Every structure is written in structure tokens, then in C-alpha cells.
Amino acid sequence: MLDVTHSLQLPGSAGGSSGGEPEFIETLARAGAGCGVDGVFLEVHDNPAVALSDGSTALRLDRLGPLLDGVARIRRLAAGLGSCRESR
């Protein structure tokens, strides 16, 4: 399991709360799938700017379906090639 959005948090970077780097959510999720993770955890919100929690690292809801489709395709490909751990 890869906790994508919490991996991108930057504690204290937004003054009194955590900031983050949401622009890397999709890249990190795809990279995890390519390395063979069996699942991804994502914070998702229809409007991250107004989310009460973790909005700085939340994926917009309208991006979730396409991301999960892509992650599933990458994971299936990776399963046939072996994981990153096996290639060391």
C-alpha cells in the first residue's frame, strides 16, 4: 500500500498547518503501480481548496477515475515484468 497524498505533505509549510505538493499525486501513484504496490491511498475532494482536512494534498475528484484507470493498467503491466524490488 502506498499512501500517496500523505507522502507529499510538507508539515508546517503552510504556516500553522501542513502544505503539500499535489502536482505530484498522479506521478507518485503511477510510479508506485510500476513498482508493484497493491493499492494506493489518496485524499480526494471535489474542491481541495475548501477541504477541511488535507486539502493541500488532495486530488480533485474529477481526476480520480482517469488516475485509477491508468494506475490499474500500469500495475497489470508491472505484474508481467516483475517489481522494482526484484530488479535490484
C-alpha atoms as a PDB file:
ATOM      1  CA  MET A   1       0.000   0.000   0.000  1.00  0.00           C
ATOM      2  CA  LEU A   2       1.277   3.451  -0.926  1.00  0.00           C
ATOM      3  CA  ASP A   3      -0.105   6.474   0.917  1.00  0.00           C
ATOM      4  CA  VAL A   4       0.329   8.878  -1.974  1.00  0.00           C
ATOM      5  CA  THR A   5      -1.141  12.108  -0.667  1.00  0.00           C
ATOM      6  CA  HIS A   6       0.357  11.913   2.816  1.00  0.00           C
ATOM      7  CA  SER A   7       3.734  11.162   1.244  1.00  0.00           C
ATOM      8  CA  LEU A   8       3.502  14.575  -0.394  1.00  0.00           C
ATOM      9  CA  GLN A   9       2.692  16.545   2.770  1.00  0.00           C
ATOM     10  CA  LEU A  10       5.088  19.224   3.915  1.00  0.00           C
ATOM     11  CA  PRO A  11       4.429  19.615   7.667  1.00  0.00           C
ATOM     12  CA  GLY A  12       4.337  23.223   8.791  1.00  0.00           C
ATOM     13  CA  SER A  13       4.923  24.645   5.311  1.00  0.00           C
ATOM     14  CA  ALA A  14       1.596  26.494   5.286  1.00  0.00           C
ATOM     15  CA  GLY A  15       2.201  28.433   8.479  1.00  0.00           C
ATOM     16  CA  GLY A  16       0.286  26.664  11.238  1.00  0.00           C
ATOM     17  CA  SER A  17      -0.694  23.677   9.112  1.00  0.00           C
ATOM     18  CA  SER A  18       0.731  21.249   6.596  1.00  0.00           C
ATOM     19  CA  GLY A  19       1.152  22.187   2.987  1.00  0.00           C
ATOM     20  CA  GLY A  20       1.931  19.839   0.195  1.00  0.00           C
ATOM     21  CA  GLU A  21       2.825  19.147  -3.396  1.00  0.00           C
ATOM     22  CA  PRO A  22      -0.395  17.948  -5.042  1.00  0.00           C
ATOM     23  CA  GLU A  23       1.105  18.345  -8.503  1.00  0.00           C
ATOM     24  CA  PHE A  24       2.975  15.075  -7.869  1.00  0.00           C
ATOM     25  CA  ILE A  25      -0.043  12.954  -6.801  1.00  0.00           C
ATOM     26  CA  GLU A  26      -0.609  11.332 -10.162  1.00  0.00           C
ATOM     27  CA  THR A  27       3.098  10.806 -10.852  1.00  0.00           C
ATOM     28  CA  LEU A  28       3.710   9.155  -7.477  1.00  0.00           C
ATOM     29  CA  ALA A  29       0.649   6.914  -7.789  1.00  0.00           C
ATOM     30  CA  ARG A  30       1.781   5.750 -11.230  1.00  0.00           C
ATOM     31  CA  ALA A  31       5.343   5.181 -10.014  1.00  0.00           C
ATOM     32  CA  GLY A  32       4.058   3.062  -7.141  1.00  0.00           C
ATOM     33  CA  ALA A  33       1.979   0.981  -9.533  1.00  0.00           C
ATOM     34  CA  GLY A  34       5.020   0.456 -11.716  1.00  0.00           C
ATOM     35  CA  CYS A  35       6.946  -0.787  -8.692  1.00  0.00           C
ATOM     36  CA  GLY A  36       4.249  -3.277  -7.807  1.00  0.00           C
ATOM     37  CA  VAL A  37       2.272  -1.731  -4.946  1.00  0.00           C
ATOM     38  CA  ASP A  38      -1.037  -3.484  -4.418  1.00  0.00           C
ATOM     39  CA  GLY A  39      -3.012  -0.381  -3.509  1.00  0.00           C
ATOM     40  CA  VAL A  40      -2.912   3.399  -3.233  1.00  0.00           C
ATOM     41  CA  PHE A  41      -4.397   5.644  -0.573  1.00  0.00           C
ATOM     42  CA  LEU A  42      -5.490   9.077  -1.777  1.00  0.00           C
ATOM     43  CA  GLU A  43      -7.177  12.077  -0.197  1.00  0.00           C
ATOM     44  CA  VAL A  44      -9.836  13.186  -2.693  1.00  0.00           C
ATOM     45  CA  HIS A  45     -12.144  16.208  -2.655  1.00  0.00           C
ATOM     46  CA  ASP A  46     -14.379  17.889  -5.220  1.00  0.00           C
ATOM     47  CA  ASN A  47     -12.766  21.240  -4.318  1.00  0.00           C
ATOM     48  CA  PRO A  48      -9.466  20.740  -2.432  1.00  0.00           C
ATOM     49  CA  ALA A  49      -9.112  24.484  -1.816  1.00  0.00           C
ATOM     50  CA  VAL A  50     -12.054  24.377   0.612  1.00  0.00           C
ATOM     51  CA  ALA A  51     -11.429  20.921   2.126  1.00  0.00           C
ATOM     52  CA  LEU A  52     -11.489  20.940   5.924  1.00  0.00           C
ATOM     53  CA  SER A  53      -8.604  18.456   6.111  1.00  0.00           C
ATOM     54  CA  ASP A  54      -5.650  17.601   3.848  1.00  0.00           C
ATOM     55  CA  GLY A  55      -6.793  19.909   1.056  1.00  0.00           C
ATOM     56  CA  SER A  56      -3.198  20.829   0.251  1.00  0.00           C
ATOM     57  CA  THR A  57      -2.526  17.265  -0.844  1.00  0.00           C
ATOM     58  CA  ALA A  58      -5.958  16.208  -2.088  1.00  0.00           C
ATOM     59  CA  LEU A  59      -6.649  15.079  -5.620  1.00  0.00           C
ATOM     60  CA  ARG A  60      -9.582  16.743  -7.372  1.00  0.00           C
ATOM     61  CA  LEU A  61     -12.466  14.267  -7.557  1.00  0.00           C
ATOM     62  CA  ASP A  62     -12.824  14.626 -11.325  1.00  0.00           C
ATOM     63  CA  ARG A  63      -9.234  13.325 -11.731  1.00  0.00           C
ATOM     64  CA  LEU A  64      -9.782  10.160  -9.664  1.00  0.00           C
ATOM     65  CA  GLY A  65     -11.375   7.903 -12.312  1.00  0.00           C
ATOM     66  CA  PRO A  66      -8.762   8.540 -15.002  1.00  0.00           C
ATOM     67  CA  LEU A  67      -5.947   8.160 -12.476  1.00  0.00           C
ATOM     68  CA  LEU A  68      -7.230   4.833 -11.156  1.00  0.00           C
ATOM     69  CA  ASP A  69      -7.698   3.534 -14.700  1.00  0.00           C
ATOM     70  CA  GLY A  70      -4.099   4.442 -15.526  1.00  0.00           C
ATOM     71  CA  VAL A  71      -2.741   3.033 -12.269  1.00  0.00           C
ATOM     72  CA  ALA A  72      -4.548  -0.263 -12.876  1.00  0.00           C
ATOM     73  CA  ARG A  73      -3.119  -0.532 -16.411  1.00  0.00           C
ATOM     74  CA  ILE A  74       0.409   0.189 -15.179  1.00  0.00           C
ATOM     75  CA  ARG A  75       0.035  -2.331 -12.362  1.00  0.00           C
ATOM     76  CA  ARG A  76      -1.062  -5.042 -14.781  1.00  0.00           C
ATOM     77  CA  LEU A  77       1.958  -4.308 -16.980  1.00  0.00           C
ATOM     78  CA  ALA A  78       4.289  -4.301 -13.985  1.00  0.00           C
ATOM     79  CA  ALA A  79       2.932  -7.643 -12.818  1.00  0.00           C
ATOM     80  CA  GLY A  80       4.137  -9.171 -16.056  1.00  0.00           C
ATOM     81  CA  LEU A  81       7.577  -7.597 -15.805  1.00  0.00           C
ATOM     82  CA  GLY A  82       8.375  -8.111 -12.107  1.00  0.00           C
ATOM     83  CA  SER A  83       8.525  -5.408  -9.455  1.00  0.00           C
ATOM     84  CA  CYS A  84      11.246  -2.820  -8.831  1.00  0.00           C
ATOM     85  CA  ARG A  85      12.298  -4.816  -5.792  1.00  0.00           C
ATOM     86  CA  GLU A  86      13.063  -7.839  -7.954  1.00  0.00           C
ATOM     87  CA  SER A  87      15.270  -5.893 -10.360  1.00  0.00           C
ATOM     88  CA  ARG A  88      17.944  -4.918  -7.842  1.00  0.00           C
END
